[in-house]
Amino acid sequence: MCNSRTMFVYPTSQGELIRAARGTRTQAEFAKLLGCDRSCLSRYEREQLGASPMVISRCLDIVAKSMRSSEETPRPYERALAQARRVVAELERLGDK
């Protein structure tokens, strides 16, 4: 999905979210930032492996911050990111039990 005012393509899958968060960084650079192996990041991007809630949460945070730094942040997308963060936090809590 694309917002015509910002021309930002909204990620609709795990792979798109991770690629949007990675931006112009190499996979090796971004994997180091996330604390995972480059080959693992590659499988996340190709959706051959489900990313951990921590990776998804970090990517959501990066994408949200990049949107906030743009001139206009679409409100519905910001609310969706906040909801996704709450879901990831709940999944992490369930995983700790």
PDB file of N, CA and C in Angstrom:
ATOM      1  N   MET A   1       0.844  -1.173   0.000  1.00  0.00           N
ATOM      2  CA  MET A   1       0.000   0.000   0.000  1.00  0.00           C
ATOM      3  C   MET A   1       0.894   1.241   0.000  1.00  0.00           C
ATOM      4  N   CYS A   2       0.481   2.281  -0.668  1.00  0.00           N
ATOM      5  CA  CYS A   2       1.302   3.476  -0.806  1.00  0.00           C
ATOM      6  C   CYS A   2       0.506   4.713  -0.433  1.00  0.00           C
ATOM      7  N   ASN A   3       1.091   5.587   0.357  1.00  0.00           N
ATOM      8  CA  ASN A   3       0.480   6.862   0.690  1.00  0.00           C
ATOM      9  C   ASN A   3       0.954   7.860  -0.343  1.00  0.00           C
ATOM     10  N   SER A   4       0.050   8.437  -1.116  1.00  0.00           N
ATOM     11  CA  SER A   4       0.445   9.314  -2.226  1.00  0.00           C
ATOM     12  C   SER A   4       1.134  10.586  -1.758  1.00  0.00           C
ATOM     13  N   ARG A   5       0.892  11.016  -0.527  1.00  0.00           N
ATOM     14  CA  ARG A   5       1.554  12.228  -0.040  1.00  0.00           C
ATOM     15  C   ARG A   5       3.015  11.998   0.284  1.00  0.00           C
ATOM     16  N   THR A   6       3.338  10.832   0.829  1.00  0.00           N
ATOM     17  CA  THR A   6       4.712  10.568   1.248  1.00  0.00           C
ATOM     18  C   THR A   6       5.447   9.629   0.313  1.00  0.00           C
ATOM     19  N   MET A   7       4.697   8.922  -0.551  1.00  0.00           N
ATOM     20  CA  MET A   7       5.253   7.919  -1.459  1.00  0.00           C
ATOM     21  C   MET A   7       5.965   6.808  -0.692  1.00  0.00           C
ATOM     22  N   PHE A   8       5.558   6.568   0.528  1.00  0.00           N
ATOM     23  CA  PHE A   8       6.096   5.483   1.334  1.00  0.00           C
ATOM     24  C   PHE A   8       5.282   4.245   1.040  1.00  0.00           C
ATOM     25  N   VAL A   9       5.938   3.162   0.717  1.00  0.00           N
ATOM     26  CA  VAL A   9       5.248   1.899   0.470  1.00  0.00           C
ATOM     27  C   VAL A   9       5.148   1.166   1.803  1.00  0.00           C
ATOM     28  N   TYR A  10       3.935   0.980   2.279  1.00  0.00           N
ATOM     29  CA  TYR A  10       3.712   0.332   3.564  1.00  0.00           C
ATOM     30  C   TYR A  10       4.037  -1.154   3.469  1.00  0.00           C
ATOM     31  N   PRO A  11       4.850  -1.650   4.381  1.00  0.00           N
ATOM     32  CA  PRO A  11       5.153  -3.085   4.367  1.00  0.00           C
ATOM     33  C   PRO A  11       3.915  -3.894   4.731  1.00  0.00           C
ATOM     34  N   THR A  12       3.681  -4.958   3.983  1.00  0.00           N
ATOM     35  CA  THR A  12       2.519  -5.813   4.241  1.00  0.00           C
ATOM     36  C   THR A  12       2.919  -7.243   4.574  1.00  0.00           C
ATOM     37  N   SER A  13       4.205  -7.485   4.695  1.00  0.00           N
ATOM     38  CA  SER A  13       4.686  -8.816   5.051  1.00  0.00           C
ATOM     39  C   SER A  13       5.960  -8.669   5.883  1.00  0.00           C
ATOM     40  N   GLN A  14       6.372  -9.763   6.476  1.00  0.00           N
ATOM     41  CA  GLN A  14       7.602  -9.766   7.265  1.00  0.00           C
ATOM     42  C   GLN A  14       8.792  -9.313   6.426  1.00  0.00           C
ATOM     43  N   GLY A  15       8.911  -9.861   5.230  1.00  0.00           N
ATOM     44  CA  GLY A  15      10.041  -9.518   4.365  1.00  0.00           C
ATOM     45  C   GLY A  15      10.062  -8.045   4.003  1.00  0.00           C
ATOM     46  N   GLU A  16       8.885  -7.503   3.650  1.00  0.00           N
ATOM     47  CA  GLU A  16       8.810  -6.089   3.299  1.00  0.00           C
ATOM     48  C   GLU A  16       9.141  -5.200   4.495  1.00  0.00           C
ATOM     49  N   LEU A  17       8.672  -5.587   5.676  1.00  0.00           N
ATOM     50  CA  LEU A  17       8.969  -4.814   6.886  1.00  0.00           C
ATOM     51  C   LEU A  17      10.466  -4.779   7.152  1.00  0.00           C
ATOM     52  N   ILE A  18      11.114  -5.927   7.072  1.00  0.00           N
ATOM     53  CA  ILE A  18      12.543  -5.998   7.350  1.00  0.00           C
ATOM     54  C   ILE A  18      13.334  -5.221   6.302  1.00  0.00           C
ATOM     55  N   ARG A  19      12.959  -5.353   5.040  1.00  0.00           N
ATOM     56  CA  ARG A  19      13.657  -4.590   3.989  1.00  0.00           C
ATOM     57  C   ARG A  19      13.448  -3.084   4.162  1.00  0.00           C
ATOM     58  N   ALA A  20      12.238  -2.682   4.559  1.00  0.00           N
ATOM     59  CA  ALA A  20      11.976  -1.258   4.793  1.00  0.00           C
ATOM     60  C   ALA A  20      12.829  -0.742   5.949  1.00  0.00           C
ATOM     61  N   ALA A  21      12.951  -1.536   6.997  1.00  0.00           N
ATOM     62  CA  ALA A  21      13.760  -1.138   8.152  1.00  0.00           C
ATOM     63  C   ALA A  21      15.242  -1.121   7.795  1.00  0.00           C
ATOM     64  N   ARG A  22      15.666  -2.076   6.995  1.00  0.00           N
ATOM     65  CA  ARG A  22      17.084  -2.158   6.603  1.00  0.00           C
ATOM     66  C   ARG A  22      17.477  -0.982   5.732  1.00  0.00           C
ATOM     67  N   GLY A  23      16.566  -0.549   4.879  1.00  0.00           N
ATOM     68  CA  GLY A  23      16.845   0.597   4.010  1.00  0.00           C
ATOM     69  C   GLY A  23      18.041   0.343   3.117  1.00  0.00           C
ATOM     70  N   THR A  24      19.017   1.245   3.156  1.00  0.00           N
ATOM     71  CA  THR A  24      20.193   1.133   2.286  1.00  0.00           C
ATOM     72  C   THR A  24      21.346   0.376   2.936  1.00  0.00           C
ATOM     73  N   ARG A  25      21.154  -0.077   4.165  1.00  0.00           N
ATOM     74  CA  ARG A  25      22.211  -0.855   4.830  1.00  0.00           C
ATOM     75  C   ARG A  25      22.368  -2.203   4.135  1.00  0.00           C
ATOM     76  N   THR A  26      23.566  -2.748   4.205  1.00  0.00           N
ATOM     77  CA  THR A  26      23.769  -4.104   3.695  1.00  0.00           C
ATOM     78  C   THR A  26      23.133  -5.080   4.681  1.00  0.00           C
ATOM     79  N   GLN A  27      22.900  -6.294   4.220  1.00  0.00           N
ATOM     80  CA  GLN A  27      22.366  -7.312   5.129  1.00  0.00           C
ATOM     81  C   GLN A  27      23.322  -7.552   6.293  1.00  0.00           C
ATOM     82  N   ALA A  28      24.616  -7.547   6.013  1.00  0.00           N
ATOM     83  CA  ALA A  28      25.601  -7.774   7.079  1.00  0.00           C
ATOM     84  C   ALA A  28      25.532  -6.666   8.131  1.00  0.00           C
ATOM     85  N   GLU A  29      25.441  -5.416   7.688  1.00  0.00           N
ATOM     86  CA  GLU A  29      25.350  -4.290   8.633  1.00  0.00           C
ATOM     87  C   GLU A  29      24.076  -4.374   9.474  1.00  0.00           C
ATOM     88  N   PHE A  30      22.965  -4.667   8.801  1.00  0.00           N
ATOM     89  CA  PHE A  30      21.689  -4.696   9.513  1.00  0.00           C
ATOM     90  C   PHE A  30      21.603  -5.900  10.446  1.00  0.00           C
ATOM     91  N   ALA A  31      22.136  -7.028  10.019  1.00  0.00           N
ATOM     92  CA  ALA A  31      22.147  -8.220  10.873  1.00  0.00           C
ATOM     93  C   ALA A  31      22.929  -7.941  12.152  1.00  0.00           C
ATOM     94  N   LYS A  32      24.049  -7.249  12.018  1.00  0.00           N
ATOM     95  CA  LYS A  32      24.854  -6.904  13.196  1.00  0.00           C
ATOM     96  C   LYS A  32      24.057  -5.997  14.132  1.00  0.00           C
ATOM     97  N   LEU A  33      23.339  -5.030  13.562  1.00  0.00           N
ATOM     98  CA  LEU A  33      22.502  -4.130  14.355  1.00  0.00           C
ATOM     99  C   LEU A  33      21.423  -4.905  15.109  1.00  0.00           C
ATOM    100  N   LEU A  34      20.847  -5.906  14.457  1.00  0.00           N
ATOM    101  CA  LEU A  34      19.794  -6.708  15.081  1.00  0.00           C
ATOM    102  C   LEU A  34      20.340  -7.795  15.999  1.00  0.00           C
ATOM    103  N   GLY A  35      21.616  -8.087  15.873  1.00  0.00           N
ATOM    104  CA  GLY A  35      22.216  -9.134  16.693  1.00  0.00           C
ATOM    105  C   GLY A  35      21.926 -10.532  16.176  1.00  0.00           C
ATOM    106  N   CYS A  36      21.835 -10.658  14.856  1.00  0.00           N
ATOM    107  CA  CYS A  36      21.612 -11.978  14.265  1.00  0.00           C
ATOM    108  C   CYS A  36      22.620 -12.195  13.134  1.00  0.00           C
ATOM    109  N   ASP A  37      22.639 -13.384  12.612  1.00  0.00           N
ATOM    110  CA  ASP A  37      23.532 -13.759  11.522  1.00  0.00           C
ATOM    111  C   ASP A  37      22.994 -13.231  10.193  1.00  0.00           C
ATOM    112  N   ARG A  38      23.865 -12.860   9.261  1.00  0.00           N
ATOM    113  CA  ARG A  38      23.440 -12.339   7.964  1.00  0.00           C
ATOM    114  C   ARG A  38      22.603 -13.357   7.200  1.00  0.00           C
ATOM    115  N   SER A  39      22.986 -14.614   7.253  1.00  0.00           N
ATOM    116  CA  SER A  39      22.220 -15.640   6.526  1.00  0.00           C
ATOM    117  C   SER A  39      20.822 -15.794   7.131  1.00  0.00           C
ATOM    118  N   CYS A  40      20.715 -15.617   8.430  1.00  0.00           N
ATOM    119  CA  CYS A  40      19.419 -15.675   9.102  1.00  0.00           C
ATOM    120  C   CYS A  40      18.557 -14.493   8.649  1.00  0.00           C
ATOM    121  N   LEU A  41      19.151 -13.308   8.591  1.00  0.00           N
ATOM    122  CA  LEU A  41      18.435 -12.126   8.121  1.00  0.00           C
ATOM    123  C   LEU A  41      17.942 -12.336   6.687  1.00  0.00           C
ATOM    124  N   SER A  42      18.771 -12.931   5.863  1.00  0.00           N
ATOM    125  CA  SER A  42      18.388 -13.211   4.485  1.00  0.00           C
ATOM    126  C   SER A  42      17.161 -14.119   4.438  1.00  0.00           C
ATOM    127  N   ARG A  43      17.121 -15.140   5.283  1.00  0.00           N
ATOM    128  CA  ARG A  43      15.955 -16.044   5.327  1.00  0.00           C
ATOM    129  C   ARG A  43      14.715 -15.317   5.849  1.00  0.00           C
ATOM    130  N   TYR A  44      14.906 -14.386   6.808  1.00  0.00           N
ATOM    131  CA  TYR A  44      13.777 -13.575   7.278  1.00  0.00           C
ATOM    132  C   TYR A  44      13.209 -12.756   6.125  1.00  0.00           C
ATOM    133  N   GLU A  45      14.100 -12.110   5.372  1.00  0.00           N
ATOM    134  CA  GLU A  45      13.655 -11.262   4.263  1.00  0.00           C
ATOM    135  C   GLU A  45      12.942 -12.057   3.180  1.00  0.00           C
ATOM    136  N   ARG A  46      13.403 -13.272   2.925  1.00  0.00           N
ATOM    137  CA  ARG A  46      12.757 -14.118   1.908  1.00  0.00           C
ATOM    138  C   ARG A  46      11.572 -14.877   2.476  1.00  0.00           C
ATOM    139  N   GLU A  47      11.312 -14.685   3.775  1.00  0.00           N
ATOM    140  CA  GLU A  47      10.209 -15.328   4.494  1.00  0.00           C
ATOM    141  C   GLU A  47      10.318 -16.846   4.492  1.00  0.00           C
ATOM    142  N   GLN A  48      11.551 -17.325   4.524  1.00  0.00           N
ATOM    143  CA  GLN A  48      11.791 -18.757   4.655  1.00  0.00           C
ATOM    144  C   GLN A  48      11.906 -19.150   6.123  1.00  0.00           C
ATOM    145  N   LEU A  49      11.983 -18.136   6.991  1.00  0.00           N
ATOM    146  CA  LEU A  49      12.100 -18.351   8.432  1.00  0.00           C
ATOM    147  C   LEU A  49      11.347 -17.225   9.118  1.00  0.00           C
ATOM    148  N   GLY A  50      10.549 -17.565  10.108  1.00  0.00           N
ATOM    149  CA  GLY A  50       9.819 -16.548  10.854  1.00  0.00           C
ATOM    150  C   GLY A  50      10.763 -15.787  11.779  1.00  0.00           C
ATOM    151  N   ALA A  51      10.726 -14.478  11.696  1.00  0.00           N
ATOM    152  CA  ALA A  51      11.573 -13.645  12.545  1.00  0.00           C
ATOM    153  C   ALA A  51      11.041 -13.662  13.975  1.00  0.00           C
ATOM    154  N   SER A  52      11.943 -13.494  14.913  1.00  0.00           N
ATOM    155  CA  SER A  52      11.544 -13.465  16.320  1.00  0.00           C
ATOM    156  C   SER A  52      10.759 -12.191  16.609  1.00  0.00           C
ATOM    157  N   PRO A  53       9.957 -12.193  17.662  1.00  0.00           N
ATOM    158  CA  PRO A  53       9.240 -10.968  18.037  1.00  0.00           C
ATOM    159  C   PRO A  53      10.195  -9.791  18.268  1.00  0.00           C
ATOM    160  N   MET A  54      11.390 -10.051  18.793  1.00  0.00           N
ATOM    161  CA  MET A  54      12.364  -8.983  19.017  1.00  0.00           C
ATOM    162  C   MET A  54      12.783  -8.341  17.699  1.00  0.00           C
ATOM    163  N   VAL A  55      13.025  -9.139  16.673  1.00  0.00           N
ATOM    164  CA  VAL A  55      13.420  -8.617  15.359  1.00  0.00           C
ATOM    165  C   VAL A  55      12.274  -7.808  14.753  1.00  0.00           C
ATOM    166  N   ILE A  56      11.056  -8.339  14.810  1.00  0.00           N
ATOM    167  CA  ILE A  56       9.905  -7.630  14.262  1.00  0.00           C
ATOM    168  C   ILE A  56       9.705  -6.306  15.004  1.00  0.00           C
ATOM    169  N   SER A  57       9.786  -6.342  16.311  1.00  0.00           N
ATOM    170  CA  SER A  57       9.612  -5.130  17.114  1.00  0.00           C
ATOM    171  C   SER A  57      10.659  -4.083  16.773  1.00  0.00           C
ATOM    172  N   ARG A  58      11.900  -4.510  16.645  1.00  0.00           N
ATOM    173  CA  ARG A  58      12.994  -3.573  16.309  1.00  0.00           C
ATOM    174  C   ARG A  58      12.761  -2.967  14.921  1.00  0.00           C
ATOM    175  N   CYS A  59      12.337  -3.783  13.975  1.00  0.00           N
ATOM    176  CA  CYS A  59      12.070  -3.278  12.622  1.00  0.00           C
ATOM    177  C   CYS A  59      10.901  -2.300  12.622  1.00  0.00           C
ATOM    178  N   LEU A  60       9.847  -2.604  13.381  1.00  0.00           N
ATOM    179  CA  LEU A  60       8.724  -1.676  13.496  1.00  0.00           C
ATOM    180  C   LEU A  60       9.190  -0.341  14.072  1.00  0.00           C
ATOM    181  N   ASP A  61      10.040  -0.409  15.066  1.00  0.00           N
ATOM    182  CA  ASP A  61      10.567   0.809  15.688  1.00  0.00           C
ATOM    183  C   ASP A  61      11.364   1.640  14.678  1.00  0.00           C
ATOM    184  N   ILE A  62      12.213   0.994  13.911  1.00  0.00           N
ATOM    185  CA  ILE A  62      13.035   1.692  12.912  1.00  0.00           C
ATOM    186  C   ILE A  62      12.155   2.354  11.850  1.00  0.00           C
ATOM    187  N   VAL A  63      11.156   1.605  11.356  1.00  0.00           N
ATOM    188  CA  VAL A  63      10.262   2.149  10.337  1.00  0.00           C
ATOM    189  C   VAL A  63       9.460   3.324  10.910  1.00  0.00           C
ATOM    190  N   ALA A  64       8.959   3.176  12.132  1.00  0.00           N
ATOM    191  CA  ALA A  64       8.188   4.257  12.756  1.00  0.00           C
ATOM    192  C   ALA A  64       9.036   5.508  12.929  1.00  0.00           C
ATOM    193  N   LYS A  65      10.268   5.338  13.374  1.00  0.00           N
ATOM    194  CA  LYS A  65      11.160   6.492  13.559  1.00  0.00           C
ATOM    195  C   LYS A  65      11.459   7.173  12.226  1.00  0.00           C
ATOM    196  N   SER A  66      11.630   6.388  11.184  1.00  0.00           N
ATOM    197  CA  SER A  66      11.908   6.996   9.882  1.00  0.00           C
ATOM    198  C   SER A  66      10.693   7.759   9.374  1.00  0.00           C
ATOM    199  N   MET A  67       9.508   7.265   9.678  1.00  0.00           N
ATOM    200  CA  MET A  67       8.294   7.964   9.271  1.00  0.00           C
ATOM    201  C   MET A  67       8.108   9.244  10.070  1.00  0.00           C
ATOM    202  N   ARG A  68       8.431   9.201  11.363  1.00  0.00           N
ATOM    203  CA  ARG A  68       8.304  10.401  12.189  1.00  0.00           C
ATOM    204  C   ARG A  68       9.243  11.489  11.730  1.00  0.00           C
ATOM    205  N   SER A  69      10.380  11.109  11.175  1.00  0.00           N
ATOM    206  CA  SER A  69      11.346  12.102  10.727  1.00  0.00           C
ATOM    207  C   SER A  69      10.960  12.701   9.377  1.00  0.00           C
ATOM    208  N   SER A  70      10.012  12.073   8.686  1.00  0.00           N
ATOM    209  CA  SER A  70       9.546  12.644   7.417  1.00  0.00           C
ATOM    210  C   SER A  70       8.616  13.824   7.708  1.00  0.00           C
ATOM    211  N   GLU A  71       8.314  14.592   6.693  1.00  0.00           N
ATOM    212  CA  GLU A  71       7.494  15.794   6.864  1.00  0.00           C
ATOM    213  C   GLU A  71       6.116  15.495   7.427  1.00  0.00           C
ATOM    214  N   GLU A  72       5.480  14.461   6.927  1.00  0.00           N
ATOM    215  CA  GLU A  72       4.114  14.163   7.349  1.00  0.00           C
ATOM    216  C   GLU A  72       3.994  12.682   7.668  1.00  0.00           C
ATOM    217  N   THR A  73       3.590  12.373   8.890  1.00  0.00           N
ATOM    218  CA  THR A  73       3.408  10.996   9.303  1.00  0.00           C
ATOM    219  C   THR A  73       1.932  10.637   9.227  1.00  0.00           C
ATOM    220  N   PRO A  74       1.603   9.631   8.451  1.00  0.00           N
ATOM    221  CA  PRO A  74       0.197   9.240   8.364  1.00  0.00           C
ATOM    222  C   PRO A  74      -0.292   8.666   9.693  1.00  0.00           C
ATOM    223  N   ARG A  75      -1.345   9.197  10.241  1.00  0.00           N
ATOM    224  CA  ARG A  75      -1.888   8.795  11.534  1.00  0.00           C
ATOM    225  C   ARG A  75      -2.322   7.330  11.576  1.00  0.00           C
ATOM    226  N   PRO A  76      -3.065   6.814  10.598  1.00  0.00           N
ATOM    227  CA  PRO A  76      -3.499   5.416  10.687  1.00  0.00           C
ATOM    228  C   PRO A  76      -2.313   4.447  10.761  1.00  0.00           C
ATOM    229  N   TYR A  77      -1.261   4.748  10.019  1.00  0.00           N
ATOM    230  CA  TYR A  77      -0.097   3.862  10.030  1.00  0.00           C
ATOM    231  C   TYR A  77       0.588   3.895  11.394  1.00  0.00           C
ATOM    232  N   GLU A  78       0.669   5.074  11.982  1.00  0.00           N
ATOM    233  CA  GLU A  78       1.273   5.208  13.303  1.00  0.00           C
ATOM    234  C   GLU A  78       0.481   4.389  14.326  1.00  0.00           C
ATOM    235  N   ARG A  79      -0.838   4.441  14.246  1.00  0.00           N
ATOM    236  CA  ARG A  79      -1.672   3.653  15.160  1.00  0.00           C
ATOM    237  C   ARG A  79      -1.464   2.158  14.919  1.00  0.00           C
ATOM    238  N   ALA A  80      -1.338   1.751  13.668  1.00  0.00           N
ATOM    239  CA  ALA A  80      -1.116   0.331  13.358  1.00  0.00           C
ATOM    240  C   ALA A  80       0.223  -0.138  13.915  1.00  0.00           C
ATOM    241  N   LEU A  81       1.251   0.701  13.816  1.00  0.00           N
ATOM    242  CA  LEU A  81       2.557   0.337  14.371  1.00  0.00           C
ATOM    243  C   LEU A  81       2.485   0.211  15.896  1.00  0.00           C
ATOM    244  N   ALA A  82       1.762   1.110  16.540  1.00  0.00           N
ATOM    245  CA  ALA A  82       1.612   1.040  17.994  1.00  0.00           C
ATOM    246  C   ALA A  82       0.906  -0.258  18.390  1.00  0.00           C
ATOM    247  N   GLN A  83      -0.125  -0.620  17.649  1.00  0.00           N
ATOM    248  CA  GLN A  83      -0.836  -1.868  17.920  1.00  0.00           C
ATOM    249  C   GLN A  83       0.084  -3.066  17.699  1.00  0.00           C
ATOM    250  N   ALA A  84       0.852  -3.040  16.635  1.00  0.00           N
ATOM    251  CA  ALA A  84       1.779  -4.148  16.358  1.00  0.00           C
ATOM    252  C   ALA A  84       2.807  -4.276  17.477  1.00  0.00           C
ATOM    253  N   ARG A  85       3.293  -3.144  17.992  1.00  0.00           N
ATOM    254  CA  ARG A  85       4.246  -3.186  19.105  1.00  0.00           C
ATOM    255  C   ARG A  85       3.615  -3.823  20.336  1.00  0.00           C
ATOM    256  N   ARG A  86       2.346  -3.493  20.610  1.00  0.00           N
ATOM    257  CA  ARG A  86       1.665  -4.090  21.764  1.00  0.00           C
ATOM    258  C   ARG A  86       1.522  -5.602  21.584  1.00  0.00           C
ATOM    259  N   VAL A  87       1.201  -6.040  20.366  1.00  0.00           N
ATOM    260  CA  VAL A  87       1.073  -7.470  20.085  1.00  0.00           C
ATOM    261  C   VAL A  87       2.415  -8.174  20.277  1.00  0.00           C
ATOM    262  N   VAL A  88       3.487  -7.583  19.760  1.00  0.00           N
ATOM    263  CA  VAL A  88       4.820  -8.184  19.900  1.00  0.00           C
ATOM    264  C   VAL A  88       5.205  -8.265  21.374  1.00  0.00           C
ATOM    265  N   ALA A  89       4.936  -7.205  22.134  1.00  0.00           N
ATOM    266  CA  ALA A  89       5.256  -7.217  23.569  1.00  0.00           C
ATOM    267  C   ALA A  89       4.498  -8.330  24.282  1.00  0.00           C
ATOM    268  N   GLU A  90       3.230  -8.518  23.925  1.00  0.00           N
ATOM    269  CA  GLU A  90       2.437  -9.583  24.531  1.00  0.00           C
ATOM    270  C   GLU A  90       2.987 -10.957  24.151  1.00  0.00           C
ATOM    271  N   LEU A  91       3.377 -11.137  22.901  1.00  0.00           N
ATOM    272  CA  LEU A  91       3.983 -12.403  22.467  1.00  0.00           C
ATOM    273  C   LEU A  91       5.283 -12.676  23.221  1.00  0.00           C
ATOM    274  N   GLU A  92       6.081 -11.641  23.440  1.00  0.00           N
ATOM    275  CA  GLU A  92       7.324 -11.815  24.197  1.00  0.00           C
ATOM    276  C   GLU A  92       7.020 -12.217  25.633  1.00  0.00           C
ATOM    277  N   ARG A  93       5.997 -11.607  26.230  1.00  0.00           N
ATOM    278  CA  ARG A  93       5.617 -11.980  27.604  1.00  0.00           C
ATOM    279  C   ARG A  93       5.167 -13.430  27.662  1.00  0.00           C
ATOM    280  N   LEU A  94       4.385 -13.864  26.673  1.00  0.00           N
ATOM    281  CA  LEU A  94       3.914 -15.252  26.634  1.00  0.00           C
ATOM    282  C   LEU A  94       5.087 -16.216  26.457  1.00  0.00           C
ATOM    283  N   GLY A  95       6.085 -15.805  25.683  1.00  0.00           N
ATOM    284  CA  GLY A  95       7.257 -16.646  25.453  1.00  0.00           C
ATOM    285  C   GLY A  95       8.116 -16.822  26.696  1.00  0.00           C
ATOM    286  N   ASP A  96       8.036 -15.854  27.608  1.00  0.00           N
ATOM    287  CA  ASP A  96       8.830 -15.917  28.845  1.00  0.00           C
ATOM    288  C   ASP A  96       8.205 -16.836  29.889  1.00  0.00           C
ATOM    289  N   LYS A  97       6.958 -17.255  29.670  1.00  0.00           N
ATOM    290  CA  LYS A  97       6.266 -18.092  30.662  1.00  0.00           C
ATOM    291  C   LYS A  97       6.654 -19.536  30.537  1.00  0.00           C
TER     292      LYS A  97
END
